[in-house]
């Protein structure tokens, strides 16, 4: 491949922006799926309200820093992010690695990793419109929740949300990239789904974990996908503490992106296309 083409692909972000927009548009075609997701998010949100509200009240109104308002914000914001944060481990690039379509991707003057992440992020951003925002709105209207008290909290929360989506995409890419060495990655995807949901704080906030387990969770990228954006968006964590969480998200983004880059380079040399 000519050096000039490789350089252009590496330095220009316009193609990746178009890929992101294409991912957004593609996801917009699944409108019934989005409606089904909204119904599921709301249903499970109400179930979590019943369980976690009872838990907070049984603890005297405060459970490790969570009162009714903050636990409600945790419930509804986390439910709203389910369509945008990939906690199931599945991605299109995994299929392309398995069926050999990745060979065509390697011939294009683009980064395979960046194109895959851009597609995933575009799809995730669209999901905020029919699933994320309506889910949170239902929570506000039906139950109520705590929100940031200053406009800066919303701006930092939006940044944290975007970082969470991108960290999710770069981490899921690592699962897919394992396909360069494994014939089948579905088992790894299932393991990822179990571990990521738990450590991301999907079921209960990680601050309610036993101390040792909370430390283990914080040593993974999963809280950066869900728990940290929820804490910032709800106003539970503010000021320098909120900036610290965003900084951790940036760190995990760099680490997962670098790991994906190295795996792609090594996988390109290892790749064996099977079939017939």
C-alpha atoms as a PDB file:
ATOM      1  CA  UNK A   1       0.000   0.000   0.000  1.00  0.00           C
ATOM      2  CA  UNK A   2       1.490   3.417  -0.897  1.00  0.00           C
ATOM      3  CA  UNK A   3       2.865   5.389   2.012  1.00  0.00           C
ATOM      4  CA  UNK A   4       0.965   8.514   0.981  1.00  0.00           C
ATOM      5  CA  UNK A   5      -2.367   6.698   1.293  1.00  0.00           C
ATOM      6  CA  UNK A   6      -1.478   5.327   4.714  1.00  0.00           C
ATOM      7  CA  UNK A   7      -0.493   8.785   5.916  1.00  0.00           C
ATOM      8  CA  UNK A   8      -3.714  10.331   4.651  1.00  0.00           C
ATOM      9  CA  UNK A   9      -5.771   7.661   6.404  1.00  0.00           C
ATOM     10  CA  UNK A  10      -3.970   8.266   9.675  1.00  0.00           C
ATOM     11  CA  UNK A  11      -4.100  12.044   9.692  1.00  0.00           C
ATOM     12  CA  UNK A  12      -7.588  12.773   8.382  1.00  0.00           C
ATOM     13  CA  UNK A  13     -10.529  12.346  10.745  1.00  0.00           C
ATOM     14  CA  UNK A  14     -13.173  13.116   8.115  1.00  0.00           C
ATOM     15  CA  UNK A  15     -13.657   9.473   7.014  1.00  0.00           C
ATOM     16  CA  UNK A  16     -14.134   8.381  10.628  1.00  0.00           C
ATOM     17  CA  UNK A  17     -16.683  11.134  11.201  1.00  0.00           C
ATOM     18  CA  UNK A  18     -18.617   9.876   8.178  1.00  0.00           C
ATOM     19  CA  UNK A  19     -18.398   6.309   9.497  1.00  0.00           C
ATOM     20  CA  UNK A  20     -19.747   7.524  12.856  1.00  0.00           C
ATOM     21  CA  UNK A  21     -22.651   9.263  11.116  1.00  0.00           C
ATOM     22  CA  UNK A  22     -23.295   6.115   9.077  1.00  0.00           C
ATOM     23  CA  UNK A  23     -23.458   4.090  12.284  1.00  0.00           C
ATOM     24  CA  UNK A  24     -25.929   6.619  13.702  1.00  0.00           C
ATOM     25  CA  UNK A  25     -28.140   6.367  10.608  1.00  0.00           C
ATOM     26  CA  UNK A  26     -27.994   2.589  10.485  1.00  0.00           C
ATOM     27  CA  UNK A  27     -29.120   2.291  14.084  1.00  0.00           C
ATOM     28  CA  UNK A  28     -31.988   4.694  13.398  1.00  0.00           C
ATOM     29  CA  UNK A  29     -33.631   2.076  11.161  1.00  0.00           C
ATOM     30  CA  UNK A  30     -34.312  -0.229  14.123  1.00  0.00           C
ATOM     31  CA  UNK A  31     -37.187   1.781  15.544  1.00  0.00           C
ATOM     32  CA  UNK A  32     -39.261  -1.106  16.897  1.00  0.00           C
ATOM     33  CA  UNK A  33     -36.169  -2.498  18.618  1.00  0.00           C
ATOM     34  CA  UNK A  34     -35.613   0.919  20.208  1.00  0.00           C
ATOM     35  CA  UNK A  35     -39.208   0.958  21.444  1.00  0.00           C
ATOM     36  CA  UNK A  36     -38.799  -2.533  22.862  1.00  0.00           C
ATOM     37  CA  UNK A  37     -35.608  -1.414  24.579  1.00  0.00           C
ATOM     38  CA  UNK A  38     -37.383   1.588  26.094  1.00  0.00           C
ATOM     39  CA  UNK A  39     -40.139  -0.616  27.486  1.00  0.00           C
ATOM     40  CA  UNK A  40     -37.598  -3.057  28.914  1.00  0.00           C
ATOM     41  CA  UNK A  41     -35.511  -0.260  30.430  1.00  0.00           C
ATOM     42  CA  UNK A  42     -38.553   1.277  32.092  1.00  0.00           C
ATOM     43  CA  UNK A  43     -39.882  -2.036  33.391  1.00  0.00           C
ATOM     44  CA  UNK A  44     -36.608  -3.076  34.977  1.00  0.00           C
ATOM     45  CA  UNK A  45     -36.115   0.466  36.239  1.00  0.00           C
ATOM     46  CA  UNK A  46     -39.374   0.254  38.189  1.00  0.00           C
ATOM     47  CA  UNK A  47     -38.364  -3.143  39.577  1.00  0.00           C
ATOM     48  CA  UNK A  48     -35.026  -1.731  40.728  1.00  0.00           C
ATOM     49  CA  UNK A  49     -36.838   1.236  42.278  1.00  0.00           C
ATOM     50  CA  UNK A  50     -38.923  -1.125  44.423  1.00  0.00           C
ATOM     51  CA  UNK A  51     -35.884  -3.131  45.548  1.00  0.00           C
ATOM     52  CA  UNK A  52     -33.308  -0.399  46.080  1.00  0.00           C
ATOM     53  CA  UNK A  53     -35.707   2.134  47.607  1.00  0.00           C
ATOM     54  CA  UNK A  54     -36.693  -0.509  50.171  1.00  0.00           C
ATOM     55  CA  UNK A  55     -33.003  -1.189  50.832  1.00  0.00           C
ATOM     56  CA  UNK A  56     -32.217   2.491  51.423  1.00  0.00           C
ATOM     57  CA  UNK A  57     -35.234   2.932  53.703  1.00  0.00           C
ATOM     58  CA  UNK A  58     -34.282  -0.193  55.658  1.00  0.00           C
ATOM     59  CA  UNK A  59     -30.829   1.348  56.184  1.00  0.00           C
ATOM     60  CA  UNK A  60     -32.406   4.431  57.748  1.00  0.00           C
ATOM     61  CA  UNK A  61     -32.510   6.635  54.627  1.00  0.00           C
ATOM     62  CA  UNK A  62     -28.792   6.587  53.870  1.00  0.00           C
ATOM     63  CA  UNK A  63     -26.857   3.657  52.441  1.00  0.00           C
ATOM     64  CA  UNK A  64     -23.139   4.338  51.949  1.00  0.00           C
ATOM     65  CA  UNK A  65     -23.905   7.890  50.830  1.00  0.00           C
ATOM     66  CA  UNK A  66     -26.991   7.010  48.789  1.00  0.00           C
ATOM     67  CA  UNK A  67     -30.349   8.485  49.759  1.00  0.00           C
ATOM     68  CA  UNK A  68     -33.617   8.092  47.857  1.00  0.00           C
ATOM     69  CA  UNK A  69     -32.791  10.900  45.402  1.00  0.00           C
ATOM     70  CA  UNK A  70     -29.303   9.659  44.522  1.00  0.00           C
ATOM     71  CA  UNK A  71     -30.296   5.990  44.294  1.00  0.00           C
ATOM     72  CA  UNK A  72     -33.165   6.997  41.997  1.00  0.00           C
ATOM     73  CA  UNK A  73     -30.747   8.915  39.781  1.00  0.00           C
ATOM     74  CA  UNK A  74     -28.461   5.874  39.715  1.00  0.00           C
ATOM     75  CA  UNK A  75     -31.344   3.619  38.682  1.00  0.00           C
ATOM     76  CA  UNK A  76     -32.765   5.732  35.892  1.00  0.00           C
ATOM     77  CA  UNK A  77     -29.549   7.068  34.399  1.00  0.00           C
ATOM     78  CA  UNK A  78     -27.975   3.598  34.371  1.00  0.00           C
ATOM     79  CA  UNK A  79     -31.110   2.154  32.763  1.00  0.00           C
ATOM     80  CA  UNK A  80     -31.067   4.946  30.210  1.00  0.00           C
ATOM     81  CA  UNK A  81     -27.472   4.149  29.253  1.00  0.00           C
ATOM     82  CA  UNK A  82     -28.093   0.461  28.610  1.00  0.00           C
ATOM     83  CA  UNK A  83     -28.754   1.026  24.914  1.00  0.00           C
ATOM     84  CA  UNK A  84     -25.627   3.127  24.503  1.00  0.00           C
ATOM     85  CA  UNK A  85     -23.027   1.268  26.576  1.00  0.00           C
ATOM     86  CA  UNK A  86     -22.077  -2.100  25.141  1.00  0.00           C
ATOM     87  CA  UNK A  87     -22.051  -4.537  28.049  1.00  0.00           C
ATOM     88  CA  UNK A  88     -22.875  -7.629  25.984  1.00  0.00           C
ATOM     89  CA  UNK A  89     -19.529  -7.957  24.218  1.00  0.00           C
ATOM     90  CA  UNK A  90     -20.991  -8.316  20.728  1.00  0.00           C
ATOM     91  CA  UNK A  91     -19.764  -6.280  17.756  1.00  0.00           C
ATOM     92  CA  UNK A  92     -19.818  -6.408  13.977  1.00  0.00           C
ATOM     93  CA  UNK A  93     -16.036  -6.543  13.740  1.00  0.00           C
ATOM     94  CA  UNK A  94     -15.990  -9.886  15.581  1.00  0.00           C
ATOM     95  CA  UNK A  95     -18.085 -11.404  12.798  1.00  0.00           C
ATOM     96  CA  UNK A  96     -15.868  -9.900  10.130  1.00  0.00           C
ATOM     97  CA  UNK A  97     -12.776 -11.364  11.743  1.00  0.00           C
ATOM     98  CA  UNK A  98     -14.411 -14.777  11.922  1.00  0.00           C
ATOM     99  CA  UNK A  99     -15.730 -14.881   8.334  1.00  0.00           C
ATOM    100  CA  UNK A 100     -12.635 -13.270   6.794  1.00  0.00           C
ATOM    101  CA  UNK A 101     -14.275  -9.988   5.809  1.00  0.00           C
ATOM    102  CA  UNK A 102     -11.607  -8.246   7.859  1.00  0.00           C
ATOM    103  CA  UNK A 103      -9.188  -8.894   4.984  1.00  0.00           C
ATOM    104  CA  UNK A 104     -11.069  -6.339   2.877  1.00  0.00           C
ATOM    105  CA  UNK A 105     -10.988  -3.882   5.791  1.00  0.00           C
ATOM    106  CA  UNK A 106      -7.201  -4.193   5.990  1.00  0.00           C
ATOM    107  CA  UNK A 107      -6.945  -3.221   2.313  1.00  0.00           C
ATOM    108  CA  UNK A 108      -8.696   0.089   2.930  1.00  0.00           C
ATOM    109  CA  UNK A 109      -6.624   3.200   3.757  1.00  0.00           C
ATOM    110  CA  UNK A 110      -8.244   3.440   7.192  1.00  0.00           C
ATOM    111  CA  UNK A 111      -7.564   2.146  10.673  1.00  0.00           C
ATOM    112  CA  UNK A 112      -9.666  -0.974  11.210  1.00  0.00           C
ATOM    113  CA  UNK A 113      -9.820  -0.259  14.921  1.00  0.00           C
ATOM    114  CA  UNK A 114     -10.826   3.402  14.556  1.00  0.00           C
ATOM    115  CA  UNK A 115     -13.484   2.575  11.949  1.00  0.00           C
ATOM    116  CA  UNK A 116     -14.969  -0.122  14.181  1.00  0.00           C
ATOM    117  CA  UNK A 117     -15.022   2.162  17.220  1.00  0.00           C
ATOM    118  CA  UNK A 118     -16.546   5.029  15.198  1.00  0.00           C
ATOM    119  CA  UNK A 119     -19.357   2.766  13.976  1.00  0.00           C
ATOM    120  CA  UNK A 120     -20.063   1.556  17.502  1.00  0.00           C
ATOM    121  CA  UNK A 121     -20.068   5.079  18.914  1.00  0.00           C
ATOM    122  CA  UNK A 122     -22.433   6.322  16.193  1.00  0.00           C
ATOM    123  CA  UNK A 123     -24.905   3.554  16.982  1.00  0.00           C
ATOM    124  CA  UNK A 124     -24.618   4.221  20.706  1.00  0.00           C
ATOM    125  CA  UNK A 125     -25.231   7.955  20.374  1.00  0.00           C
ATOM    126  CA  UNK A 126     -28.425   7.349  18.417  1.00  0.00           C
ATOM    127  CA  UNK A 127     -29.694   5.020  21.152  1.00  0.00           C
ATOM    128  CA  UNK A 128     -29.746   7.977  23.545  1.00  0.00           C
ATOM    129  CA  UNK A 129     -32.612   9.528  21.576  1.00  0.00           C
ATOM    130  CA  UNK A 130     -35.289   6.792  21.570  1.00  0.00           C
ATOM    131  CA  UNK A 131     -34.107   4.944  24.711  1.00  0.00           C
ATOM    132  CA  UNK A 132     -31.793   6.939  26.948  1.00  0.00           C
ATOM    133  CA  UNK A 133     -33.502  10.310  27.231  1.00  0.00           C
ATOM    134  CA  UNK A 134     -37.078   8.926  27.427  1.00  0.00           C
ATOM    135  CA  UNK A 135     -36.052   6.435  30.144  1.00  0.00           C
ATOM    136  CA  UNK A 136     -34.531   9.179  32.291  1.00  0.00           C
ATOM    137  CA  UNK A 137     -37.530  11.439  31.634  1.00  0.00           C
ATOM    138  CA  UNK A 138     -39.897   8.727  32.833  1.00  0.00           C
ATOM    139  CA  UNK A 139     -37.821   8.372  35.983  1.00  0.00           C
ATOM    140  CA  UNK A 140     -37.947  12.127  36.628  1.00  0.00           C
ATOM    141  CA  UNK A 141     -41.706  12.329  36.097  1.00  0.00           C
ATOM    142  CA  UNK A 142     -42.754   9.145  37.910  1.00  0.00           C
ATOM    143  CA  UNK A 143     -40.252   8.889  40.754  1.00  0.00           C
ATOM    144  CA  UNK A 144     -37.984  11.953  40.783  1.00  0.00           C
ATOM    145  CA  UNK A 145     -34.218  12.014  41.225  1.00  0.00           C
ATOM    146  CA  UNK A 146     -31.270  14.165  42.178  1.00  0.00           C
ATOM    147  CA  UNK A 147     -29.606  16.219  39.423  1.00  0.00           C
ATOM    148  CA  UNK A 148     -26.548  18.503  39.267  1.00  0.00           C
ATOM    149  CA  UNK A 149     -27.125  21.891  40.867  1.00  0.00           C
ATOM    150  CA  UNK A 150     -24.899  23.820  38.422  1.00  0.00           C
ATOM    151  CA  UNK A 151     -24.730  24.012  34.629  1.00  0.00           C
ATOM    152  CA  UNK A 152     -21.092  22.906  34.753  1.00  0.00           C
ATOM    153  CA  UNK A 153     -22.283  19.611  36.188  1.00  0.00           C
ATOM    154  CA  UNK A 154     -24.347  18.921  33.069  1.00  0.00           C
ATOM    155  CA  UNK A 155     -21.458  19.821  30.763  1.00  0.00           C
ATOM    156  CA  UNK A 156     -19.024  17.600  32.634  1.00  0.00           C
ATOM    157  CA  UNK A 157     -21.685  14.904  32.779  1.00  0.00           C
ATOM    158  CA  UNK A 158     -22.126  15.035  28.999  1.00  0.00           C
ATOM    159  CA  UNK A 159     -18.361  14.674  28.552  1.00  0.00           C
ATOM    160  CA  UNK A 160     -18.293  11.772  30.991  1.00  0.00           C
ATOM    161  CA  UNK A 161     -21.173  10.144  29.128  1.00  0.00           C
ATOM    162  CA  UNK A 162     -19.378  10.423  25.791  1.00  0.00           C
ATOM    163  CA  UNK A 163     -16.173   9.036  27.291  1.00  0.00           C
ATOM    164  CA  UNK A 164     -18.128   6.136  28.767  1.00  0.00           C
ATOM    165  CA  UNK A 165     -19.547   5.277  25.354  1.00  0.00           C
ATOM    166  CA  UNK A 166     -16.127   5.425  23.679  1.00  0.00           C
ATOM    167  CA  UNK A 167     -14.425   3.382  26.429  1.00  0.00           C
ATOM    168  CA  UNK A 168     -17.166   0.801  25.987  1.00  0.00           C
ATOM    169  CA  UNK A 169     -16.470   0.649  22.235  1.00  0.00           C
ATOM    170  CA  UNK A 170     -12.684   0.396  22.616  1.00  0.00           C
ATOM    171  CA  UNK A 171     -13.017  -2.328  25.255  1.00  0.00           C
ATOM    172  CA  UNK A 172     -15.481  -4.393  23.233  1.00  0.00           C
ATOM    173  CA  UNK A 173     -13.039  -4.118  20.330  1.00  0.00           C
ATOM    174  CA  UNK A 174     -10.516  -6.014  22.468  1.00  0.00           C
ATOM    175  CA  UNK A 175     -12.989  -8.892  22.784  1.00  0.00           C
ATOM    176  CA  UNK A 176     -13.448  -8.945  19.021  1.00  0.00           C
ATOM    177  CA  UNK A 177      -9.705  -8.696  18.356  1.00  0.00           C
ATOM    178  CA  UNK A 178      -9.189 -11.887  20.343  1.00  0.00           C
ATOM    179  CA  UNK A 179     -10.758 -13.550  17.298  1.00  0.00           C
ATOM    180  CA  UNK A 180      -7.427 -13.208  15.506  1.00  0.00           C
ATOM    181  CA  UNK A 181      -6.215 -16.023  17.754  1.00  0.00           C
ATOM    182  CA  UNK A 182      -9.470 -17.807  18.650  1.00  0.00           C
ATOM    183  CA  UNK A 183     -11.693 -19.656  16.182  1.00  0.00           C
ATOM    184  CA  UNK A 184     -14.807 -18.704  18.181  1.00  0.00           C
ATOM    185  CA  UNK A 185     -15.212 -15.732  20.557  1.00  0.00           C
ATOM    186  CA  UNK A 186     -18.795 -16.293  21.748  1.00  0.00           C
ATOM    187  CA  UNK A 187     -17.617 -17.813  25.021  1.00  0.00           C
ATOM    188  CA  UNK A 188     -15.424 -14.778  25.626  1.00  0.00           C
ATOM    189  CA  UNK A 189     -18.364 -12.502  24.829  1.00  0.00           C
ATOM    190  CA  UNK A 190     -20.530 -14.265  27.416  1.00  0.00           C
ATOM    191  CA  UNK A 191     -17.773 -13.959  30.022  1.00  0.00           C
ATOM    192  CA  UNK A 192     -17.437 -10.275  29.148  1.00  0.00           C
ATOM    193  CA  UNK A 193     -21.198  -9.754  29.515  1.00  0.00           C
ATOM    194  CA  UNK A 194     -21.236 -11.292  32.998  1.00  0.00           C
ATOM    195  CA  UNK A 195     -18.147  -9.491  34.297  1.00  0.00           C
ATOM    196  CA  UNK A 196     -18.754  -6.107  32.675  1.00  0.00           C
ATOM    197  CA  UNK A 197     -22.308  -5.674  33.954  1.00  0.00           C
ATOM    198  CA  UNK A 198     -21.299  -6.528  37.497  1.00  0.00           C
ATOM    199  CA  UNK A 199     -18.178  -4.358  37.683  1.00  0.00           C
ATOM    200  CA  UNK A 200     -19.772  -1.485  35.724  1.00  0.00           C
ATOM    201  CA  UNK A 201     -22.344  -1.091  38.494  1.00  0.00           C
ATOM    202  CA  UNK A 202     -25.330  -2.229  36.459  1.00  0.00           C
ATOM    203  CA  UNK A 203     -26.979  -4.192  39.266  1.00  0.00           C
ATOM    204  CA  UNK A 204     -25.941  -2.124  42.296  1.00  0.00           C
ATOM    205  CA  UNK A 205     -23.555   0.838  42.636  1.00  0.00           C
ATOM    206  CA  UNK A 206     -19.969  -0.288  43.111  1.00  0.00           C
ATOM    207  CA  UNK A 207     -19.769   1.852  46.271  1.00  0.00           C
ATOM    208  CA  UNK A 208     -22.089  -0.708  47.864  1.00  0.00           C
ATOM    209  CA  UNK A 209     -19.597  -3.506  47.159  1.00  0.00           C
ATOM    210  CA  UNK A 210     -17.392  -4.864  49.942  1.00  0.00           C
ATOM    211  CA  UNK A 211     -14.199  -2.808  49.985  1.00  0.00           C
ATOM    212  CA  UNK A 212     -11.969  -5.460  48.425  1.00  0.00           C
ATOM    213  CA  UNK A 213     -14.444  -6.124  45.619  1.00  0.00           C
ATOM    214  CA  UNK A 214     -14.862  -2.395  44.981  1.00  0.00           C
ATOM    215  CA  UNK A 215     -11.099  -2.036  44.574  1.00  0.00           C
ATOM    216  CA  UNK A 216     -11.101  -4.912  42.070  1.00  0.00           C
ATOM    217  CA  UNK A 217     -13.880  -3.188  40.111  1.00  0.00           C
ATOM    218  CA  UNK A 218     -11.972   0.099  40.070  1.00  0.00           C
ATOM    219  CA  UNK A 219      -8.966  -1.693  38.576  1.00  0.00           C
ATOM    220  CA  UNK A 220     -11.032  -2.475  35.457  1.00  0.00           C
ATOM    221  CA  UNK A 221     -12.373  -0.169  32.719  1.00  0.00           C
ATOM    222  CA  UNK A 222     -15.973  -1.140  33.430  1.00  0.00           C
ATOM    223  CA  UNK A 223     -16.907   1.584  35.977  1.00  0.00           C
ATOM    224  CA  UNK A 224     -15.718   4.143  33.401  1.00  0.00           C
ATOM    225  CA  UNK A 225     -18.464   2.938  31.069  1.00  0.00           C
ATOM    226  CA  UNK A 226     -21.435   3.263  33.396  1.00  0.00           C
ATOM    227  CA  UNK A 227     -20.807   4.036  37.074  1.00  0.00           C
ATOM    228  CA  UNK A 228     -18.623   7.120  36.629  1.00  0.00           C
ATOM    229  CA  UNK A 229     -20.943   8.807  34.085  1.00  0.00           C
ATOM    230  CA  UNK A 230     -23.893   8.102  36.385  1.00  0.00           C
ATOM    231  CA  UNK A 231     -22.112   9.630  39.377  1.00  0.00           C
ATOM    232  CA  UNK A 232     -21.208  12.773  37.424  1.00  0.00           C
ATOM    233  CA  UNK A 233     -24.564  13.155  35.658  1.00  0.00           C
ATOM    234  CA  UNK A 234     -26.509  12.717  38.887  1.00  0.00           C
ATOM    235  CA  UNK A 235     -24.417  15.300  40.737  1.00  0.00           C
ATOM    236  CA  UNK A 236     -23.441  12.737  43.377  1.00  0.00           C
ATOM    237  CA  UNK A 237     -19.790  13.464  42.628  1.00  0.00           C
ATOM    238  CA  UNK A 238     -18.877  17.110  41.987  1.00  0.00           C
ATOM    239  CA  UNK A 239     -15.898  19.442  41.716  1.00  0.00           C
ATOM    240  CA  UNK A 240     -12.423  17.957  41.685  1.00  0.00           C
ATOM    241  CA  UNK A 241     -13.776  14.514  42.503  1.00  0.00           C
ATOM    242  CA  UNK A 242     -15.856  14.600  39.317  1.00  0.00           C
ATOM    243  CA  UNK A 243     -12.835  15.765  37.320  1.00  0.00           C
ATOM    244  CA  UNK A 244     -10.912  12.857  38.823  1.00  0.00           C
ATOM    245  CA  UNK A 245     -13.493  10.389  37.536  1.00  0.00           C
ATOM    246  CA  UNK A 246     -13.338  11.941  34.073  1.00  0.00           C
ATOM    247  CA  UNK A 247      -9.552  11.715  34.221  1.00  0.00           C
ATOM    248  CA  UNK A 248      -9.816   7.999  34.998  1.00  0.00           C
ATOM    249  CA  UNK A 249     -12.104   7.596  31.992  1.00  0.00           C
ATOM    250  CA  UNK A 250      -9.524   9.297  29.775  1.00  0.00           C
ATOM    251  CA  UNK A 251      -6.831   6.997  31.177  1.00  0.00           C
ATOM    252  CA  UNK A 252      -8.860   3.880  30.416  1.00  0.00           C
ATOM    253  CA  UNK A 253      -9.652   5.192  26.947  1.00  0.00           C
ATOM    254  CA  UNK A 254      -5.945   5.569  26.217  1.00  0.00           C
ATOM    255  CA  UNK A 255      -5.090   2.143  27.658  1.00  0.00           C
ATOM    256  CA  UNK A 256      -7.851   0.244  25.845  1.00  0.00           C
ATOM    257  CA  UNK A 257      -7.201   2.066  22.560  1.00  0.00           C
ATOM    258  CA  UNK A 258      -3.481   1.303  22.795  1.00  0.00           C
ATOM    259  CA  UNK A 259      -4.164  -2.348  23.622  1.00  0.00           C
ATOM    260  CA  UNK A 260      -6.528  -2.567  20.635  1.00  0.00           C
ATOM    261  CA  UNK A 261      -3.910  -1.021  18.357  1.00  0.00           C
ATOM    262  CA  UNK A 262      -1.259  -3.526  19.454  1.00  0.00           C
ATOM    263  CA  UNK A 263      -3.661  -6.463  19.124  1.00  0.00           C
ATOM    264  CA  UNK A 264      -4.653  -5.348  15.632  1.00  0.00           C
ATOM    265  CA  UNK A 265      -1.033  -5.104  14.505  1.00  0.00           C
ATOM    266  CA  UNK A 266      -0.225  -8.536  15.914  1.00  0.00           C
ATOM    267  CA  UNK A 267      -3.498 -10.021  14.655  1.00  0.00           C
ATOM    268  CA  UNK A 268      -2.878  -8.797  11.126  1.00  0.00           C
ATOM    269  CA  UNK A 269       0.208 -11.011  11.015  1.00  0.00           C
ATOM    270  CA  UNK A 270      -1.570 -13.908  12.732  1.00  0.00           C
ATOM    271  CA  UNK A 271      -4.858 -13.857  10.792  1.00  0.00           C
ATOM    272  CA  UNK A 272      -5.946 -17.120   9.163  1.00  0.00           C
ATOM    273  CA  UNK A 273      -9.175 -17.117   7.160  1.00  0.00           C
ATOM    274  CA  UNK A 274     -11.118 -20.369   7.508  1.00  0.00           C
ATOM    275  CA  UNK A 275     -13.964 -21.641   5.365  1.00  0.00           C
ATOM    276  CA  UNK A 276     -14.544 -22.972   1.929  1.00  0.00           C
END
